[in-house]
């Protein structure tokens, strides 16, 4: 029997945000998901880490027989550091961050807690993807992008993301039209 990949799931919108709940659902179909996410919204924290206060990490009980979840008092980068150094017994095969409420395109990635969590995983030598949906509403429709999140994740696991590369995937806000495809491009300033 082939071993399921270990997937670290995090975000910057907080552990109860609808985007991460959808991401957890998708990752549980692909592998063994372990969630370490902020206990409250941490948007626009950039790559901040906690150094002058004690971090608290609490295991959250979810349905019997499912994945592990931890709520952390720190930043998204703290969540990845805690997962890698204190919680997990091995390095994850992949770290996914999001699904962020809002855009993470162009220069905004330097402010993004979502992308900073993914970058922190990349620094640790873990394949990483940050997912965002350009919809700031709490009621955003994450089901519309679900299949693309799964397809991109499976492709990354199968083909391996090159070292020193982190994927930043931003989906447009969908009204009635469907996604017409995927375009790969370099990060730009604008």
Protein backbone atom coordinates (compact mmCIF):
# COMPACT_ATOMS: atom_id res chain seq x y z
CA UNK A 1 0.00 0.00 0.00
CA UNK A 2 1.39 3.40 -1.01
CA UNK A 3 1.93 5.83 1.85
CA UNK A 4 -0.28 8.94 1.72
CA UNK A 5 1.61 12.23 1.53
CA UNK A 6 1.80 14.28 4.73
CA UNK A 7 0.34 17.72 3.99
CA UNK A 8 0.71 20.68 6.36
CA UNK A 9 -2.26 23.07 6.04
CA UNK A 10 -2.11 26.64 7.32
CA UNK A 11 -3.36 30.14 6.50
CA UNK A 12 -3.50 33.74 7.68
CA UNK A 13 -7.27 34.22 7.97
CA UNK A 14 -7.53 32.01 11.06
CA UNK A 15 -8.36 28.38 11.70
CA UNK A 16 -12.14 28.91 11.42
CA UNK A 17 -12.04 30.77 8.08
CA UNK A 18 -14.12 29.19 5.28
CA UNK A 19 -11.11 29.11 2.94
CA UNK A 20 -8.99 26.89 5.16
CA UNK A 21 -11.97 24.65 5.91
CA UNK A 22 -12.36 24.01 2.15
CA UNK A 23 -8.59 23.50 1.77
CA UNK A 24 -8.59 20.94 4.60
CA UNK A 25 -11.43 19.08 2.93
CA UNK A 26 -9.52 18.87 -0.36
CA UNK A 27 -6.20 17.92 1.27
CA UNK A 28 -7.87 15.09 3.21
CA UNK A 29 -8.83 13.57 -0.15
CA UNK A 30 -5.20 13.69 -1.29
CA UNK A 31 -3.21 12.74 1.78
CA UNK A 32 -2.83 12.96 5.52
CA UNK A 33 -3.60 16.57 6.47
CA UNK A 34 -2.27 18.16 9.63
CA UNK A 35 -3.51 21.68 10.32
CA UNK A 36 -1.54 24.29 12.25
CA UNK A 37 -3.17 27.68 11.81
CA UNK A 38 -3.56 30.98 13.66
CA UNK A 39 -6.29 31.17 16.28
CA UNK A 40 -7.36 34.55 14.88
CA UNK A 41 -6.95 36.51 11.63
CA UNK A 42 -3.32 37.39 10.82
CA UNK A 43 -3.73 38.99 7.39
CA UNK A 44 -0.96 41.31 6.19
CA UNK A 45 1.48 40.05 8.84
CA UNK A 46 4.11 39.43 6.20
CA UNK A 47 6.86 37.16 7.44
CA UNK A 48 6.57 38.24 11.08
CA UNK A 49 7.55 35.80 13.79
CA UNK A 50 6.84 35.96 17.51
CA UNK A 51 9.88 36.66 19.67
CA UNK A 52 8.71 38.66 22.72
CA UNK A 53 5.85 36.53 23.98
CA UNK A 54 4.98 32.91 24.59
CA UNK A 55 3.32 31.01 21.76
CA UNK A 56 0.36 28.83 22.64
CA UNK A 57 -0.67 25.89 20.50
CA UNK A 58 -3.84 23.97 21.28
CA UNK A 59 -4.96 20.72 19.70
CA UNK A 60 -8.52 21.02 18.42
CA UNK A 61 -10.76 17.99 18.47
CA UNK A 62 -12.34 17.23 15.12
CA UNK A 63 -14.43 14.28 14.00
CA UNK A 64 -13.18 10.92 15.22
CA UNK A 65 -10.65 9.30 12.92
CA UNK A 66 -9.85 12.40 10.88
CA UNK A 67 -6.88 14.75 10.67
CA UNK A 68 -5.10 16.63 13.47
CA UNK A 69 -5.70 20.35 13.97
CA UNK A 70 -3.79 22.84 16.09
CA UNK A 71 -4.78 26.42 16.82
CA UNK A 72 -1.75 28.68 17.33
CA UNK A 73 -1.52 32.11 18.97
CA UNK A 74 1.25 33.15 16.57
CA UNK A 75 1.67 34.31 13.00
CA UNK A 76 1.41 32.15 9.86
CA UNK A 77 5.22 31.80 9.77
CA UNK A 78 5.15 30.76 13.46
CA UNK A 79 2.60 28.07 12.58
CA UNK A 80 4.93 26.52 10.01
CA UNK A 81 7.92 26.71 12.37
CA UNK A 82 5.93 25.06 15.19
CA UNK A 83 4.61 22.35 12.90
CA UNK A 84 8.05 21.46 11.54
CA UNK A 85 10.00 21.72 14.79
CA UNK A 86 7.52 20.68 17.49
CA UNK A 87 4.37 19.00 16.19
CA UNK A 88 5.18 16.77 13.24
CA UNK A 89 7.37 13.69 13.57
CA UNK A 90 8.64 14.05 9.98
CA UNK A 91 8.97 16.72 7.35
CA UNK A 92 5.73 17.20 5.38
CA UNK A 93 5.69 16.31 1.70
CA UNK A 94 3.85 19.56 1.00
CA UNK A 95 2.63 22.70 2.76
CA UNK A 96 -0.49 24.45 1.48
CA UNK A 97 -1.56 27.85 2.76
CA UNK A 98 -4.96 29.48 2.30
CA UNK A 99 -7.36 29.52 0.73
CA UNK A 100 -6.92 33.24 1.31
CA UNK A 101 -9.83 35.66 1.15
CA UNK A 102 -8.44 38.21 -1.32
CA UNK A 103 -5.67 38.64 -3.83
CA UNK A 104 -2.01 37.81 -3.38
CA UNK A 105 -0.79 39.03 -6.72
CA UNK A 106 2.21 41.20 -7.59
CA UNK A 107 4.04 43.01 -4.80
CA UNK A 108 1.30 42.13 -2.29
CA UNK A 109 3.05 38.83 -1.62
CA UNK A 110 5.54 40.59 0.66
CA UNK A 111 2.70 41.63 2.99
CA UNK A 112 0.79 38.38 2.80
CA UNK A 113 0.64 36.04 5.77
CA UNK A 114 -0.69 33.36 3.42
CA UNK A 115 2.35 33.56 1.19
CA UNK A 116 4.76 34.03 4.10
CA UNK A 117 3.63 30.70 5.53
CA UNK A 118 4.30 29.09 2.15
CA UNK A 119 7.68 30.83 1.89
CA UNK A 120 8.60 29.67 5.42
CA UNK A 121 7.86 26.11 4.34
CA UNK A 122 10.02 26.64 1.25
CA UNK A 123 12.87 27.88 3.47
CA UNK A 124 12.50 24.64 5.44
CA UNK A 125 12.92 22.65 2.20
CA UNK A 126 9.23 21.74 1.93
CA UNK A 127 7.30 22.03 -1.32
CA UNK A 128 4.76 24.81 -0.80
CA UNK A 129 1.75 26.42 -2.43
CA UNK A 130 -0.23 29.48 -1.37
CA UNK A 131 -3.83 29.60 -2.62
CA UNK A 132 -5.94 32.78 -2.80
CA UNK A 133 -9.36 33.72 -4.13
CA UNK A 134 -9.92 37.35 -5.10
CA UNK A 135 -13.06 37.58 -3.00
CA UNK A 136 -12.93 39.29 0.38
CA UNK A 137 -16.41 38.18 1.45
CA UNK A 138 -16.62 35.68 4.31
CA UNK A 139 -19.25 33.91 2.19
CA UNK A 140 -16.91 33.55 -0.83
CA UNK A 141 -17.61 30.53 -3.05
CA UNK A 142 -14.59 28.26 -2.55
CA UNK A 143 -16.41 25.33 -4.18
CA UNK A 144 -15.93 27.02 -7.56
CA UNK A 145 -12.14 26.56 -7.36
CA UNK A 146 -12.05 23.26 -5.47
CA UNK A 147 -11.21 21.06 -8.46
CA UNK A 148 -8.39 23.38 -9.54
CA UNK A 149 -6.90 23.39 -6.03
CA UNK A 150 -6.93 19.59 -6.10
CA UNK A 151 -5.50 19.39 -9.63
CA UNK A 152 -2.64 21.82 -8.87
CA UNK A 153 -1.83 20.07 -5.59
CA UNK A 154 -1.75 16.62 -7.19
CA UNK A 155 0.45 17.94 -10.00
CA UNK A 156 2.88 19.49 -7.50
CA UNK A 157 3.13 16.23 -5.57
CA UNK A 158 3.62 14.19 -8.73
CA UNK A 159 6.04 16.50 -10.56
CA UNK A 160 7.79 18.08 -7.55
CA UNK A 161 8.14 21.83 -7.18
CA UNK A 162 11.78 22.81 -7.78
CA UNK A 163 13.75 23.73 -4.65
CA UNK A 164 13.80 27.45 -3.87
CA UNK A 165 10.44 27.83 -5.67
CA UNK A 166 7.10 28.43 -3.94
CA UNK A 167 3.87 28.50 -5.93
CA UNK A 168 1.47 31.42 -5.52
CA UNK A 169 -1.93 30.56 -7.01
CA UNK A 170 -4.50 33.35 -7.18
CA UNK A 171 -7.97 32.68 -8.56
CA UNK A 172 -10.22 35.44 -9.89
CA UNK A 173 -13.56 36.12 -8.26
CA UNK A 174 -16.02 33.99 -10.18
CA UNK A 175 -19.49 35.23 -10.92
CA UNK A 176 -21.08 33.10 -13.61
CA UNK A 177 -18.18 32.33 -15.90
CA UNK A 178 -15.91 29.40 -15.24
CA UNK A 179 -12.14 29.39 -15.05
CA UNK A 180 -10.81 29.21 -18.59
CA UNK A 181 -7.44 27.70 -17.74
CA UNK A 182 -4.23 28.02 -15.79
CA UNK A 183 -1.41 30.38 -16.69
CA UNK A 184 2.05 30.05 -15.19
CA UNK A 185 4.01 33.27 -14.83
CA UNK A 186 6.82 34.80 -12.79
CA UNK A 187 6.11 36.99 -9.80
CA UNK A 188 6.03 40.65 -10.86
CA UNK A 189 5.91 44.04 -9.16
CA UNK A 190 2.59 45.03 -10.69
